[in-house]
C-alpha atoms as a PDB file:
ATOM      1  CA  UNK A   1      -3.103  30.746  32.827  1.00  0.00           C
ATOM      2  CA  UNK A   2      -4.736  27.744  33.267  1.00  0.00           C
ATOM      3  CA  UNK A   3      -3.480  26.169  29.986  1.00  0.00           C
ATOM      4  CA  UNK A   4       0.244  27.502  31.338  1.00  0.00           C
ATOM      5  CA  UNK A   5      -0.138  25.808  34.204  1.00  0.00           C
ATOM      6  CA  UNK A   6      -1.610  22.348  32.787  1.00  0.00           C
ATOM      7  CA  UNK A   7       1.176  22.718  30.469  1.00  0.00           C
ATOM      8  CA  UNK A   8       3.668  23.014  32.767  1.00  0.00           C
ATOM      9  CA  UNK A   9       2.598  20.111  35.134  1.00  0.00           C
ATOM     10  CA  UNK A  10       2.354  17.868  31.918  1.00  0.00           C
ATOM     11  CA  UNK A  11       6.170  18.709  31.336  1.00  0.00           C
ATOM     12  CA  UNK A  12       6.713  18.200  35.208  1.00  0.00           C
ATOM     13  CA  UNK A  13       5.485  14.753  35.115  1.00  0.00           C
ATOM     14  CA  UNK A  14       7.118  13.769  31.825  1.00  0.00           C
ATOM     15  CA  UNK A  15      10.333  15.142  33.168  1.00  0.00           C
ATOM     16  CA  UNK A  16      10.062  12.777  36.245  1.00  0.00           C
ATOM     17  CA  UNK A  17       9.038   9.591  34.289  1.00  0.00           C
ATOM     18  CA  UNK A  18      12.826  10.086  32.423  1.00  0.00           C
ATOM     19  CA  UNK A  19      15.313   7.634  33.320  1.00  0.00           C
ATOM     20  CA  UNK A  20      18.102  10.282  34.296  1.00  0.00           C
ATOM     21  CA  UNK A  21      17.996  13.230  36.166  1.00  0.00           C
ATOM     22  CA  UNK A  22      18.378  15.430  32.788  1.00  0.00           C
ATOM     23  CA  UNK A  23      14.908  16.885  32.161  1.00  0.00           C
ATOM     24  CA  UNK A  24      13.806  16.208  28.580  1.00  0.00           C
ATOM     25  CA  UNK A  25      10.994  18.183  26.438  1.00  0.00           C
ATOM     26  CA  UNK A  26       7.814  16.621  25.881  1.00  0.00           C
ATOM     27  CA  UNK A  27       8.288  17.309  22.006  1.00  0.00           C
ATOM     28  CA  UNK A  28      11.697  15.628  21.956  1.00  0.00           C
ATOM     29  CA  UNK A  29      10.230  12.640  24.111  1.00  0.00           C
ATOM     30  CA  UNK A  30       7.417  12.253  21.465  1.00  0.00           C
ATOM     31  CA  UNK A  31       9.916  12.738  18.760  1.00  0.00           C
ATOM     32  CA  UNK A  32      12.113   9.858  20.058  1.00  0.00           C
ATOM     33  CA  UNK A  33       8.850   7.896  20.751  1.00  0.00           C
ATOM     34  CA  UNK A  34       7.896   8.162  17.046  1.00  0.00           C
ATOM     35  CA  UNK A  35      11.188   7.594  15.108  1.00  0.00           C
ATOM     36  CA  UNK A  36      11.443   4.230  17.188  1.00  0.00           C
ATOM     37  CA  UNK A  37       7.907   3.014  16.960  1.00  0.00           C
ATOM     38  CA  UNK A  38       6.667   3.919  13.395  1.00  0.00           C
ATOM     39  CA  UNK A  39       8.627   3.655  10.185  1.00  0.00           C
ATOM     40  CA  UNK A  40       8.291   6.159   7.694  1.00  0.00           C
ATOM     41  CA  UNK A  41       5.031   5.091   5.601  1.00  0.00           C
ATOM     42  CA  UNK A  42       5.894   4.795   2.121  1.00  0.00           C
ATOM     43  CA  UNK A  43       3.968   7.616   0.160  1.00  0.00           C
ATOM     44  CA  UNK A  44       1.616   6.682  -1.934  1.00  0.00           C
ATOM     45  CA  UNK A  45       1.874   8.038  -5.741  1.00  0.00           C
ATOM     46  CA  UNK A  46      -0.546   8.668  -8.659  1.00  0.00           C
ATOM     47  CA  UNK A  47       0.166   8.319 -12.323  1.00  0.00           C
ATOM     48  CA  UNK A  48      -0.899  10.608 -14.912  1.00  0.00           C
ATOM     49  CA  UNK A  49      -3.832   7.939 -15.429  1.00  0.00           C
ATOM     50  CA  UNK A  50      -5.307   7.667 -12.209  1.00  0.00           C
ATOM     51  CA  UNK A  51      -3.656   4.945 -10.914  1.00  0.00           C
ATOM     52  CA  UNK A  52      -2.972   4.919  -7.195  1.00  0.00           C
ATOM     53  CA  UNK A  53       0.031   2.897  -5.671  1.00  0.00           C
ATOM     54  CA  UNK A  54       2.326   2.511  -3.083  1.00  0.00           C
ATOM     55  CA  UNK A  55       5.514   0.316  -2.868  1.00  0.00           C
ATOM     56  CA  UNK A  56       4.953  -1.776   0.136  1.00  0.00           C
ATOM     57  CA  UNK A  57       8.455  -3.854  -0.811  1.00  0.00           C
ATOM     58  CA  UNK A  58      11.274  -2.385  -3.195  1.00  0.00           C
ATOM     59  CA  UNK A  59      13.363  -4.729  -5.513  1.00  0.00           C
ATOM     60  CA  UNK A  60      15.712  -3.971  -8.312  1.00  0.00           C
ATOM     61  CA  UNK A  61      16.025  -5.470 -11.678  1.00  0.00           C
ATOM     62  CA  UNK A  62      14.146  -5.646 -14.625  1.00  0.00           C
ATOM     63  CA  UNK A  63      10.210  -5.036 -15.195  1.00  0.00           C
ATOM     64  CA  UNK A  64       7.250  -6.857 -17.010  1.00  0.00           C
ATOM     65  CA  UNK A  65       6.020  -5.047 -20.509  1.00  0.00           C
ATOM     66  CA  UNK A  66       2.376  -4.916 -21.211  1.00  0.00           C
ATOM     67  CA  UNK A  67       2.682  -7.930 -23.069  1.00  0.00           C
ATOM     68  CA  UNK A  68       4.696 -10.181 -20.501  1.00  0.00           C
ATOM     69  CA  UNK A  69       3.753 -13.037 -18.871  1.00  0.00           C
ATOM     70  CA  UNK A  70       4.115 -13.226 -15.031  1.00  0.00           C
ATOM     71  CA  UNK A  71       3.711 -15.273 -12.258  1.00  0.00           C
ATOM     72  CA  UNK A  72       2.384 -13.313  -8.925  1.00  0.00           C
ATOM     73  CA  UNK A  73       0.327 -13.517  -5.956  1.00  0.00           C
ATOM     74  CA  UNK A  74      -2.386 -11.431  -5.233  1.00  0.00           C
ATOM     75  CA  UNK A  75      -5.460 -10.179  -3.405  1.00  0.00           C
ATOM     76  CA  UNK A  76      -8.284  -8.380  -5.002  1.00  0.00           C
ATOM     77  CA  UNK A  77     -10.615  -6.703  -3.017  1.00  0.00           C
ATOM     78  CA  UNK A  78     -13.921  -3.585  -2.957  1.00  0.00           C
ATOM     79  CA  UNK A  79     -12.673  -0.392  -1.177  1.00  0.00           C
ATOM     80  CA  UNK A  80     -14.716  -1.727   1.895  1.00  0.00           C
ATOM     81  CA  UNK A  81     -12.413  -4.688   2.187  1.00  0.00           C
ATOM     82  CA  UNK A  82     -14.664  -7.358   0.517  1.00  0.00           C
ATOM     83  CA  UNK A  83     -12.554  -9.871  -1.397  1.00  0.00           C
ATOM     84  CA  UNK A  84     -13.443 -10.635  -4.896  1.00  0.00           C
ATOM     85  CA  UNK A  85     -10.245 -12.678  -5.954  1.00  0.00           C
ATOM     86  CA  UNK A  86      -6.953 -14.233  -3.984  1.00  0.00           C
ATOM     87  CA  UNK A  87      -4.443 -16.466  -5.606  1.00  0.00           C
ATOM     88  CA  UNK A  88      -3.352 -16.953  -1.147  1.00  0.00           C
ATOM     89  CA  UNK A  89      -6.845 -18.193  -1.023  1.00  0.00           C
ATOM     90  CA  UNK A  90      -6.418 -20.838  -3.887  1.00  0.00           C
ATOM     91  CA  UNK A  91      -2.897 -21.158  -2.250  1.00  0.00           C
ATOM     92  CA  UNK A  92      -1.232 -21.362  -5.745  1.00  0.00           C
ATOM     93  CA  UNK A  93       0.218 -18.073  -7.476  1.00  0.00           C
ATOM     94  CA  UNK A  94      -1.437 -16.821 -11.081  1.00  0.00           C
ATOM     95  CA  UNK A  95       0.570 -17.092 -14.403  1.00  0.00           C
ATOM     96  CA  UNK A  96      -1.228 -15.105 -17.032  1.00  0.00           C
ATOM     97  CA  UNK A  97      -0.394 -12.354 -19.731  1.00  0.00           C
ATOM     98  CA  UNK A  98      -0.990  -8.797 -18.548  1.00  0.00           C
ATOM     99  CA  UNK A  99      -2.492  -7.820 -22.302  1.00  0.00           C
ATOM    100  CA  UNK A 100      -5.233  -9.803 -20.867  1.00  0.00           C
ATOM    101  CA  UNK A 101      -5.914  -7.650 -17.545  1.00  0.00           C
ATOM    102  CA  UNK A 102      -7.752  -4.770 -16.693  1.00  0.00           C
ATOM    103  CA  UNK A 103      -5.737  -1.415 -17.598  1.00  0.00           C
ATOM    104  CA  UNK A 104      -4.932  -0.595 -14.000  1.00  0.00           C
ATOM    105  CA  UNK A 105      -3.479  -3.549 -13.325  1.00  0.00           C
ATOM    106  CA  UNK A 106      -1.221  -3.873 -16.231  1.00  0.00           C
ATOM    107  CA  UNK A 107      -0.184  -0.133 -15.983  1.00  0.00           C
ATOM    108  CA  UNK A 108       0.837  -1.030 -12.127  1.00  0.00           C
ATOM    109  CA  UNK A 109       2.637  -4.431 -12.641  1.00  0.00           C
ATOM    110  CA  UNK A 110       4.749  -3.007 -15.372  1.00  0.00           C
ATOM    111  CA  UNK A 111       6.095  -0.870 -12.216  1.00  0.00           C
ATOM    112  CA  UNK A 112       7.248  -3.777 -10.197  1.00  0.00           C
ATOM    113  CA  UNK A 113      10.661  -5.674 -10.205  1.00  0.00           C
ATOM    114  CA  UNK A 114      10.564  -9.331  -9.371  1.00  0.00           C
ATOM    115  CA  UNK A 115      10.450  -9.862  -5.580  1.00  0.00           C
ATOM    116  CA  UNK A 116       8.297  -6.559  -5.093  1.00  0.00           C
ATOM    117  CA  UNK A 117       4.928  -5.726  -3.337  1.00  0.00           C
ATOM    118  CA  UNK A 118       2.917  -3.413  -4.055  1.00  0.00           C
ATOM    119  CA  UNK A 119      -0.814  -1.732  -3.114  1.00  0.00           C
ATOM    120  CA  UNK A 120      -2.831  -0.747  -6.431  1.00  0.00           C
ATOM    121  CA  UNK A 121      -5.838   1.492  -6.147  1.00  0.00           C
ATOM    122  CA  UNK A 122      -7.541   1.217  -9.515  1.00  0.00           C
ATOM    123  CA  UNK A 123     -10.553   3.452 -10.131  1.00  0.00           C
ATOM    124  CA  UNK A 124     -13.149   2.401 -12.087  1.00  0.00           C
ATOM    125  CA  UNK A 125     -11.936   4.119 -15.282  1.00  0.00           C
ATOM    126  CA  UNK A 126      -9.229   1.779 -15.283  1.00  0.00           C
ATOM    127  CA  UNK A 127     -11.208  -1.005 -14.127  1.00  0.00           C
ATOM    128  CA  UNK A 128     -14.239  -2.566 -15.231  1.00  0.00           C
ATOM    129  CA  UNK A 129     -16.109   1.045 -15.760  1.00  0.00           C
ATOM    130  CA  UNK A 130     -19.281   1.277 -15.937  1.00  0.00           C
ATOM    131  CA  UNK A 131     -19.918  -2.077 -16.243  1.00  0.00           C
ATOM    132  CA  UNK A 132     -18.572  -4.061 -13.416  1.00  0.00           C
ATOM    133  CA  UNK A 133     -18.312  -8.015 -13.175  1.00  0.00           C
ATOM    134  CA  UNK A 134     -19.576 -10.778 -11.897  1.00  0.00           C
ATOM    135  CA  UNK A 135     -21.348 -11.103  -8.857  1.00  0.00           C
ATOM    136  CA  UNK A 136     -19.202  -8.875  -6.205  1.00  0.00           C
ATOM    137  CA  UNK A 137     -18.013  -5.782  -8.504  1.00  0.00           C
ATOM    138  CA  UNK A 138     -20.466  -3.160  -9.503  1.00  0.00           C
ATOM    139  CA  UNK A 139     -20.332  -0.420 -12.130  1.00  0.00           C
ATOM    140  CA  UNK A 140     -18.162   2.474 -10.988  1.00  0.00           C
ATOM    141  CA  UNK A 141     -16.130   0.130  -8.150  1.00  0.00           C
ATOM    142  CA  UNK A 142     -12.597   0.936  -7.600  1.00  0.00           C
ATOM    143  CA  UNK A 143     -10.380  -2.145  -6.491  1.00  0.00           C
ATOM    144  CA  UNK A 144      -7.593  -2.864  -4.548  1.00  0.00           C
ATOM    145  CA  UNK A 145      -5.087  -4.756  -5.133  1.00  0.00           C
ATOM    146  CA  UNK A 146      -1.993  -6.195  -3.164  1.00  0.00           C
ATOM    147  CA  UNK A 147       0.350  -8.033  -6.060  1.00  0.00           C
ATOM    148  CA  UNK A 148       3.876  -9.836  -5.011  1.00  0.00           C
ATOM    149  CA  UNK A 149       5.918 -10.004  -8.128  1.00  0.00           C
ATOM    150  CA  UNK A 150       7.474 -13.508  -8.388  1.00  0.00           C
ATOM    151  CA  UNK A 151       8.500 -14.306 -12.213  1.00  0.00           C
ATOM    152  CA  UNK A 152       8.647 -12.561 -15.920  1.00  0.00           C
ATOM    153  CA  UNK A 153       8.108 -15.445 -17.889  1.00  0.00           C
ATOM    154  CA  UNK A 154       8.657 -13.421 -21.283  1.00  0.00           C
END
């Protein structure tokens, strides 16, 4: 009985807050607020290899191949947010052959069209595996990249 009374009072208070005299259910107001304020998030997709990607900005057009030379901007982080590399921080886009990159990065960029922006979560098996690299990326680390593809050069 107490729960029913509390719910009724809450619905009555919400109805009184409306700008017109037509009562509106709390669920309808919640749905309206959700639609107006929160855009539908892009779902994360996991490929057969284990690469997880999210399309942050879609674009149409040709996609690079595993041997393409591409120009892009990116920031690479560990899952705790530690940045280990960033073309943005250097103030210059990067140009390189995808054949010379880790498997997860190569696979992910091949999904992109020029002008798109993706987020990749690359498990260690598609990254640096059990060896790690440098001082920041330890063996077994999962890597996260946000990548914006600017050009396919070849």
